[in-house]
């Protein structure tokens, strides 16, 4: 749940920064749509509550001889 709050805060900060840099009108609307689409994708596919599962290596090889 806290991940979604952080996501909304990041989106708000991003849009605020774009607005301060002078982005207005359709460009700001398109930027907001892109950020919200990314947030929706995270909400649908992300699983922040699951524990991490690091990949297991097979063999260690020296890259430089």
N, C-alpha and C. Protein backbone atom coordinates (compact mmCIF):
# COMPACT_ATOMS: atom_id res chain seq x y z
N UNK A 1 0.82 -1.19 0.00
CA UNK A 1 0.00 0.00 0.00
C UNK A 1 0.86 1.26 0.00
N UNK A 2 1.96 1.23 0.76
CA UNK A 2 2.82 2.41 0.82
C UNK A 2 3.52 2.64 -0.52
N UNK A 3 3.72 1.57 -1.29
CA UNK A 3 4.33 1.72 -2.61
C UNK A 3 3.48 2.56 -3.54
N UNK A 4 2.16 2.42 -3.43
CA UNK A 4 1.27 3.20 -4.28
C UNK A 4 1.27 4.67 -3.85
N UNK A 5 1.40 4.92 -2.57
CA UNK A 5 1.47 6.30 -2.08
C UNK A 5 2.74 6.96 -2.60
N UNK A 6 3.85 6.23 -2.54
CA UNK A 6 5.11 6.75 -3.06
C UNK A 6 5.02 6.98 -4.56
N UNK A 7 4.37 6.07 -5.28
CA UNK A 7 4.19 6.22 -6.72
C UNK A 7 3.40 7.48 -7.05
N UNK A 8 2.32 7.72 -6.34
CA UNK A 8 1.51 8.92 -6.57
C UNK A 8 2.32 10.18 -6.25
N UNK A 9 3.11 10.15 -5.18
CA UNK A 9 3.94 11.30 -4.86
C UNK A 9 4.99 11.56 -5.94
N UNK A 10 5.60 10.51 -6.46
CA UNK A 10 6.58 10.68 -7.53
C UNK A 10 5.95 11.24 -8.79
N UNK A 11 4.76 10.77 -9.12
CA UNK A 11 4.06 11.30 -10.30
C UNK A 11 3.73 12.77 -10.09
N UNK A 12 3.25 13.12 -8.89
CA UNK A 12 2.92 14.52 -8.61
C UNK A 12 4.17 15.40 -8.67
N UNK A 13 5.27 14.93 -8.11
CA UNK A 13 6.52 15.70 -8.17
C UNK A 13 7.01 15.86 -9.61
N UNK A 14 6.90 14.81 -10.40
CA UNK A 14 7.32 14.88 -11.79
C UNK A 14 6.48 15.88 -12.57
N UNK A 15 5.18 15.83 -12.39
CA UNK A 15 4.32 16.76 -13.10
C UNK A 15 4.53 18.19 -12.62
N UNK A 16 4.76 18.36 -11.32
CA UNK A 16 5.06 19.69 -10.80
C UNK A 16 6.36 20.25 -11.36
N UNK A 17 7.36 19.40 -11.46
CA UNK A 17 8.63 19.83 -12.04
C UNK A 17 8.50 20.19 -13.51
N UNK A 18 7.75 19.40 -14.25
CA UNK A 18 7.52 19.72 -15.66
C UNK A 18 6.77 21.04 -15.81
N UNK A 19 5.81 21.28 -14.92
CA UNK A 19 5.05 22.52 -14.96
C UNK A 19 5.96 23.72 -14.65
N UNK A 20 6.86 23.54 -13.65
CA UNK A 20 7.78 24.62 -13.30
C UNK A 20 8.77 24.92 -14.43
N UNK A 21 9.14 23.91 -15.20
CA UNK A 21 10.04 24.12 -16.33
C UNK A 21 9.34 24.70 -17.55
N UNK A 22 8.06 24.95 -17.44
CA UNK A 22 7.35 25.66 -18.50
C UNK A 22 6.55 24.78 -19.44
N UNK A 23 6.39 23.54 -19.12
CA UNK A 23 5.59 22.65 -19.97
C UNK A 23 4.12 22.92 -19.69
N UNK A 24 3.38 23.27 -20.72
CA UNK A 24 1.97 23.63 -20.54
C UNK A 24 1.13 22.98 -21.64
N UNK A 25 -0.15 22.99 -21.44
CA UNK A 25 -1.10 22.58 -22.47
C UNK A 25 -1.07 21.09 -22.77
N UNK A 26 -1.07 20.80 -24.06
CA UNK A 26 -1.16 19.41 -24.52
C UNK A 26 0.07 18.60 -24.13
N UNK A 27 1.23 19.23 -24.08
CA UNK A 27 2.45 18.51 -23.71
C UNK A 27 2.39 18.05 -22.26
N UNK A 28 1.87 18.90 -21.38
CA UNK A 28 1.73 18.51 -19.97
C UNK A 28 0.67 17.42 -19.81
N UNK A 29 -0.39 17.50 -20.59
CA UNK A 29 -1.44 16.48 -20.55
C UNK A 29 -0.89 15.14 -21.04
N UNK A 30 -0.10 15.17 -22.11
CA UNK A 30 0.49 13.93 -22.64
C UNK A 30 1.48 13.34 -21.64
N UNK A 31 2.24 14.19 -20.97
CA UNK A 31 3.18 13.71 -19.96
C UNK A 31 2.44 13.08 -18.79
N UNK A 32 1.34 13.71 -18.37
CA UNK A 32 0.54 13.15 -17.28
C UNK A 32 -0.05 11.80 -17.69
N UNK A 33 -0.52 11.71 -18.93
CA UNK A 33 -1.09 10.44 -19.41
C UNK A 33 -0.03 9.34 -19.42
N UNK A 34 1.18 9.66 -19.85
CA UNK A 34 2.26 8.66 -19.90
C UNK A 34 2.63 8.21 -18.48
N UNK A 35 2.73 9.15 -17.55
CA UNK A 35 3.06 8.78 -16.17
C UNK A 35 1.96 7.94 -15.53
N UNK A 36 0.71 8.30 -15.78
CA UNK A 36 -0.39 7.54 -15.21
C UNK A 36 -0.53 6.16 -15.85
N UNK A 37 -0.22 6.06 -17.14
CA UNK A 37 -0.23 4.75 -17.80
C UNK A 37 0.86 3.84 -17.21
N UNK A 38 2.02 4.41 -16.95
CA UNK A 38 3.08 3.64 -16.29
C UNK A 38 2.68 3.22 -14.89
N UNK A 39 2.02 4.10 -14.16
CA UNK A 39 1.54 3.77 -12.83
C UNK A 39 0.48 2.68 -12.85
N UNK A 40 -0.38 2.72 -13.86
CA UNK A 40 -1.40 1.67 -13.99
C UNK A 40 -0.76 0.33 -14.32
N UNK A 41 0.26 0.34 -15.15
CA UNK A 41 0.98 -0.90 -15.46
C UNK A 41 1.66 -1.47 -14.22
N UNK A 42 2.22 -0.58 -13.41
CA UNK A 42 2.84 -1.04 -12.16
C UNK A 42 1.79 -1.63 -11.22
N UNK A 43 0.63 -0.99 -11.15
CA UNK A 43 -0.43 -1.48 -10.26
C UNK A 43 -0.95 -2.83 -10.71
N UNK A 44 -1.01 -3.05 -12.01
CA UNK A 44 -1.53 -4.32 -12.52
C UNK A 44 -0.51 -5.45 -12.46
N UNK A 45 0.75 -5.15 -12.75
CA UNK A 45 1.75 -6.21 -12.89
C UNK A 45 2.74 -6.28 -11.74
N UNK A 46 2.91 -5.20 -11.02
CA UNK A 46 3.90 -5.18 -9.95
C UNK A 46 3.45 -5.99 -8.75
N UNK A 47 4.42 -6.54 -8.06
CA UNK A 47 4.14 -7.31 -6.84
C UNK A 47 5.14 -6.88 -5.76
N UNK A 48 4.97 -5.67 -5.23
CA UNK A 48 5.96 -5.20 -4.26
C UNK A 48 5.94 -5.95 -2.94
N UNK A 49 4.88 -6.71 -2.66
CA UNK A 49 4.79 -7.45 -1.41
C UNK A 49 5.52 -8.78 -1.42
N UNK A 50 5.93 -9.24 -2.60
CA UNK A 50 6.62 -10.53 -2.68
C UNK A 50 8.09 -10.38 -2.31
N UNK A 51 8.66 -11.38 -1.67
CA UNK A 51 10.08 -11.30 -1.34
C UNK A 51 10.94 -11.45 -2.59
N UNK A 52 12.14 -10.93 -2.52
CA UNK A 52 13.06 -11.02 -3.64
C UNK A 52 13.58 -12.44 -3.83
N UNK A 53 13.92 -12.78 -5.06
CA UNK A 53 14.47 -14.09 -5.38
C UNK A 53 15.66 -13.89 -6.32
N UNK A 54 16.85 -13.73 -5.76
CA UNK A 54 18.02 -13.51 -6.62
C UNK A 54 18.31 -14.73 -7.49
N UNK A 55 18.80 -14.48 -8.68
CA UNK A 55 19.11 -15.56 -9.61
C UNK A 55 20.32 -16.34 -9.11
N UNK A 56 20.29 -17.62 -9.34
CA UNK A 56 21.39 -18.48 -8.96
C UNK A 56 22.36 -18.62 -10.13
N UNK A 57 23.63 -18.41 -9.87
CA UNK A 57 24.65 -18.57 -10.91
C UNK A 57 25.00 -20.04 -11.09
N UNK A 58 25.44 -20.41 -12.30
CA UNK A 58 25.79 -21.80 -12.55
C UNK A 58 27.27 -22.04 -12.28
N UNK A 59 28.14 -21.28 -12.89
CA UNK A 59 29.57 -21.44 -12.73
C UNK A 59 30.20 -20.07 -12.70
N UNK A 60 31.24 -19.94 -11.93
CA UNK A 60 31.94 -18.67 -11.98
C UNK A 60 33.09 -18.78 -12.98
N UNK A 61 33.15 -17.82 -13.85
CA UNK A 61 34.22 -17.79 -14.85
C UNK A 61 34.94 -16.46 -14.73
N UNK A 62 36.22 -16.48 -14.95
CA UNK A 62 36.98 -15.25 -14.95
C UNK A 62 36.77 -14.55 -16.29
N UNK A 63 36.41 -13.29 -16.21
CA UNK A 63 36.21 -12.52 -17.43
C UNK A 63 37.54 -12.11 -18.03
N UNK A 64 38.46 -11.71 -17.15
CA UNK A 64 39.77 -11.30 -17.61
C UNK A 64 40.80 -12.35 -17.18
N UNK A 65 41.56 -12.88 -18.12
CA UNK A 65 42.55 -13.93 -17.74
C UNK A 65 43.71 -13.38 -16.96
